Protein backbone atom coordinates (compact mmCIF):
# COMPACT_ATOMS: atom_id res chain seq x y z
CA UNK A 1 -54.52 47.19 -13.99
CA UNK A 2 -51.64 45.74 -15.96
CA UNK A 3 -48.04 45.80 -14.79
CA UNK A 4 -46.75 47.25 -18.06
CA UNK A 5 -48.87 50.38 -17.56
CA UNK A 6 -47.39 50.93 -14.10
CA UNK A 7 -43.84 50.28 -15.34
CA UNK A 8 -44.31 52.71 -18.23
CA UNK A 9 -45.58 55.43 -15.88
CA UNK A 10 -42.72 54.83 -13.46
CA UNK A 11 -40.16 55.08 -16.27
CA UNK A 12 -41.81 58.30 -17.44
CA UNK A 13 -41.60 59.71 -13.90
CA UNK A 14 -37.93 58.72 -13.59
CA UNK A 15 -37.12 60.35 -16.93
CA UNK A 16 -38.87 63.55 -15.83
CA UNK A 17 -36.85 63.56 -12.61
CA UNK A 18 -39.85 63.04 -10.35
CA UNK A 19 -38.33 59.95 -8.73
CA UNK A 20 -34.81 60.36 -7.37
CA UNK A 21 -32.16 57.69 -6.81
CA UNK A 22 -33.52 56.95 -3.32
CA UNK A 23 -36.90 56.04 -4.82
CA UNK A 24 -38.67 59.07 -3.32
CA UNK A 25 -41.72 60.03 -5.32
CA UNK A 26 -43.20 63.47 -5.57
CA UNK A 27 -46.75 62.28 -4.79
CA UNK A 28 -50.16 63.38 -5.92
CA UNK A 29 -49.66 67.12 -5.45
CA UNK A 30 -46.56 67.79 -7.57
CA UNK A 31 -46.25 64.49 -9.42
CA UNK A 32 -47.32 63.31 -12.86
CA UNK A 33 -50.92 62.08 -12.52
CA UNK A 34 -52.60 59.69 -14.97
CA UNK A 35 -55.49 57.23 -14.96
CA UNK A 36 -56.07 53.71 -16.17
CA UNK A 37 -59.06 51.37 -16.26
CA UNK A 38 -59.58 48.67 -13.67
CA UNK A 39 -60.52 45.14 -14.72
CA UNK A 40 -64.23 44.71 -15.33
CA UNK A 41 -64.38 42.28 -12.40
CA UNK A 42 -63.88 45.13 -9.90
CA UNK A 43 -66.82 45.32 -7.48
CA UNK A 44 -65.64 48.21 -5.34
CA UNK A 45 -67.93 51.25 -5.32
CA UNK A 46 -66.85 54.83 -5.84
CA UNK A 47 -66.60 56.88 -2.66
CA UNK A 48 -67.79 60.16 -4.22
CA UNK A 49 -71.43 59.28 -3.56
CA UNK A 50 -72.51 58.56 -7.14
CA UNK A 51 -73.14 54.87 -6.37
CA UNK A 52 -71.31 53.68 -9.49
CA UNK A 53 -68.57 51.05 -9.63
CA UNK A 54 -64.95 52.14 -9.24
CA UNK A 55 -63.92 51.66 -12.87
CA UNK A 56 -60.64 53.62 -12.91
CA UNK A 57 -57.53 54.06 -10.78
CA UNK A 58 -55.50 57.25 -10.38
CA UNK A 59 -51.72 56.90 -10.74
CA UNK A 60 -49.30 59.39 -9.24
CA UNK A 61 -45.86 58.88 -10.78
CA UNK A 62 -46.83 55.29 -11.66
CA UNK A 63 -48.08 54.45 -8.17
CA UNK A 64 -51.79 53.68 -7.67
CA UNK A 65 -53.06 56.30 -5.21
CA UNK A 66 -56.84 56.31 -5.57
CA UNK A 67 -59.75 54.70 -7.36
CA UNK A 68 -63.27 55.70 -8.26
CA UNK A 69 -65.69 56.34 -11.10
CA UNK A 70 -64.23 57.78 -14.30
CA UNK A 71 -65.41 61.32 -13.56
CA UNK A 72 -63.91 61.37 -10.06
CA UNK A 73 -60.54 60.02 -11.26
CA UNK A 74 -60.42 62.42 -14.23
CA UNK A 75 -61.03 65.35 -11.85
CA UNK A 76 -58.28 64.04 -9.55
CA UNK A 77 -55.86 63.82 -12.50
CA UNK A 78 -56.72 67.38 -13.53
CA UNK A 79 -56.77 69.01 -10.07
CA UNK A 80 -54.71 66.75 -7.83
CA UNK A 81 -55.53 65.93 -4.25
CA UNK A 82 -58.00 68.60 -3.16
CA UNK A 83 -57.42 67.83 0.52
CA UNK A 84 -53.78 68.89 0.29
CA UNK A 85 -52.34 65.53 1.36
CA UNK A 86 -49.26 64.34 -0.47
């Protein structure tokens, strides 16, 4: 994951008012969620049970919060954290 992607997402979150002056982020529940690809050298496996490589990372307000296969991360971006944790 490149630094410019994270910086761009953090600037977008600041502009939207999701990060205040104290640096408090809104998290995965109320925040702006996006995804980005991991480097092809990643060997971590997805934890959803599909057995595939973790090819993507989920960003909440520019902060990497989770990783997994593309389908799992896309569902997380769409629905948020289904467990209710912030």
